């Protein structure tokens, strides 16, 4: 019985890009968590923060730590979600790669 192994470079290339995306997402989550930490210490108090909506203008106090932390939390949550989505996508590509190798 002969076994033939076909190597499809697209699976390997996709895994590399997903791994790089996961590394980038993890680094960005760490950066934004550090920025949240700095905001909680009150280091970013010289920022002018204003929230303008259609109904009212709200100007929080200049030393509002909460709004600075919220400002940095949103991208951190986004990068965290992208990290898990890329991990899920990597698992799907791994499963598809194994199925195609078994079929050949």
Foldseek 3Di string as FASTA:
>chain_A
DDADFDDDVVLVVLLVVLVVLLVVLVVLLVVLVVQLVCLVVQVQLQDFDWDDDPPDTDGDHSSDSVVSNVVSVVVSVVSVVSNVVSVVVNVVSVVVVVVVRVVD
